[in-house]
Protein backbone atom coordinates (compact mmCIF):
# COMPACT_ATOMS: atom_id res chain seq x y z
CA UNK A 1 -46.08 64.97 -65.10
CA UNK A 2 -45.60 63.17 -61.77
CA UNK A 3 -42.19 62.12 -60.57
CA UNK A 4 -41.50 58.55 -59.48
CA UNK A 5 -41.08 59.68 -55.84
CA UNK A 6 -44.49 61.37 -55.71
CA UNK A 7 -46.19 58.30 -57.12
CA UNK A 8 -44.34 56.09 -54.65
CA UNK A 9 -45.32 58.38 -51.76
CA UNK A 10 -48.96 58.17 -52.72
CA UNK A 11 -48.77 54.39 -52.96
CA UNK A 12 -47.01 54.15 -49.57
CA UNK A 13 -49.63 56.46 -48.04
CA UNK A 14 -52.45 54.30 -49.45
CA UNK A 15 -50.89 51.15 -47.95
CA UNK A 16 -50.57 52.86 -44.55
CA UNK A 17 -54.16 54.17 -44.71
CA UNK A 18 -55.46 50.65 -45.40
CA UNK A 19 -53.51 49.00 -42.59
CA UNK A 20 -54.79 48.55 -39.05
CA UNK A 21 -51.37 47.55 -37.69
CA UNK A 22 -47.85 49.01 -37.84
CA UNK A 23 -45.93 48.12 -41.00
CA UNK A 24 -42.19 47.82 -41.53
CA UNK A 25 -40.51 49.02 -44.71
CA UNK A 26 -40.27 45.36 -45.77
CA UNK A 27 -44.04 44.97 -45.28
CA UNK A 28 -44.71 48.09 -47.36
CA UNK A 29 -42.33 46.97 -50.11
CA UNK A 30 -43.93 43.51 -50.22
CA UNK A 31 -47.42 45.04 -50.39
CA UNK A 32 -46.34 47.27 -53.30
CA UNK A 33 -44.32 44.56 -55.04
CA UNK A 34 -41.09 46.56 -54.88
CA UNK A 35 -37.55 45.24 -55.27
CA UNK A 36 -35.01 45.61 -52.40
CA UNK A 37 -33.31 48.42 -54.35
CA UNK A 38 -36.31 50.64 -53.49
CA UNK A 39 -35.71 50.43 -49.70
CA UNK A 40 -33.96 53.83 -49.53
CA UNK A 41 -36.75 55.50 -51.52
CA UNK A 42 -39.41 54.02 -49.24
CA UNK A 43 -37.57 55.34 -46.14
CA UNK A 44 -37.32 58.78 -47.81
CA UNK A 45 -41.02 58.66 -48.67
CA UNK A 46 -41.90 57.85 -45.06
CA UNK A 47 -39.78 60.73 -43.83
CA UNK A 48 -41.58 63.11 -46.19
CA UNK A 49 -45.00 61.67 -45.35
CA UNK A 50 -44.41 62.18 -41.62
CA UNK A 51 -44.31 65.93 -42.28
CA UNK A 52 -46.96 66.23 -44.98
CA UNK A 53 -49.66 63.98 -43.44
CA UNK A 54 -49.98 66.14 -40.34
CA UNK A 55 -50.01 69.35 -42.37
CA UNK A 56 -52.53 68.15 -44.98
CA UNK A 57 -54.87 66.73 -42.33
CA UNK A 58 -54.66 69.98 -40.34
CA UNK A 59 -53.28 68.10 -37.35
CA UNK A 60 -55.94 65.37 -37.28
CA UNK A 61 -53.63 62.56 -38.46
CA UNK A 62 -50.01 61.68 -37.82
CA UNK A 63 -47.54 59.10 -39.03
CA UNK A 64 -46.08 57.43 -35.96
CA UNK A 65 -43.09 55.12 -35.72
CA UNK A 66 -42.54 52.20 -33.38
CA UNK A 67 -38.87 52.61 -32.58
CA UNK A 68 -36.47 49.80 -33.48
CA UNK A 69 -35.09 47.81 -30.56
CA UNK A 70 -32.44 45.19 -29.86
CA UNK A 71 -33.79 41.66 -29.56
CA UNK A 72 -30.74 40.69 -27.50
CA UNK A 73 -30.74 43.26 -24.67
CA UNK A 74 -33.92 45.29 -25.25
CA UNK A 75 -32.20 48.61 -26.01
CA UNK A 76 -34.67 51.00 -27.71
CA UNK A 77 -33.38 53.38 -30.41
CA UNK A 78 -35.36 56.49 -29.41
CA UNK A 79 -33.12 59.26 -30.75
CA UNK A 80 -32.66 58.41 -34.42
CA UNK A 81 -31.67 61.41 -36.51
CA UNK A 82 -33.21 59.84 -39.59
CA UNK A 83 -35.68 57.02 -40.12
CA UNK A 84 -33.80 53.76 -40.68
CA UNK A 85 -33.06 50.33 -39.24
CA UNK A 86 -29.88 50.54 -37.14
CA UNK A 87 -27.23 47.96 -37.97
CA UNK A 88 -25.85 47.30 -34.49
CA UNK A 89 -26.85 47.83 -30.86
CA UNK A 90 -24.63 50.40 -29.11
CA UNK A 91 -25.13 48.62 -25.79
CA UNK A 92 -24.42 44.94 -26.55
CA UNK A 93 -23.18 45.14 -30.18
CA UNK A 94 -25.81 42.63 -31.34
CA UNK A 95 -27.10 42.88 -34.91
CA UNK A 96 -30.50 41.42 -33.94
CA UNK A 97 -32.45 44.66 -34.33
CA UNK A 98 -36.15 44.94 -35.12
CA UNK A 99 -36.90 47.37 -37.94
CA UNK A 100 -38.99 50.48 -37.24
CA UNK A 101 -42.70 50.10 -37.95
CA UNK A 102 -45.05 52.84 -39.14
CA UNK A 103 -48.74 53.55 -38.77
CA UNK A 104 -51.17 56.39 -39.49
CA UNK A 105 -53.13 57.42 -36.42
CA UNK A 106 -55.97 59.86 -35.83
CA UNK A 107 -55.19 62.45 -33.19
CA UNK A 108 -57.81 62.99 -30.48
CA UNK A 109 -59.11 66.50 -29.81
């Protein structure tokens, strides 16, 4: 029997495979018809997919993330320890932060 997380991961992967542009967690949740309470599970699924996509495709595909950035001063959050939307800019303290966006890409030989 499949767990809820595995099913969600597969659904998230399918949405990413069918998209030609980067998607935020909100975009993915809207596409799947998920409630806001699923946000944490979607972020966890993306974190897991980042590892498994590359391995299962034998290095031919990768899940890439467009880093979140501050709309106020332009600060880019490059060194996130875990995938998430930061709450506040460390530079200007603004809360106007774009969420990270995700996309599956084929890796060139």
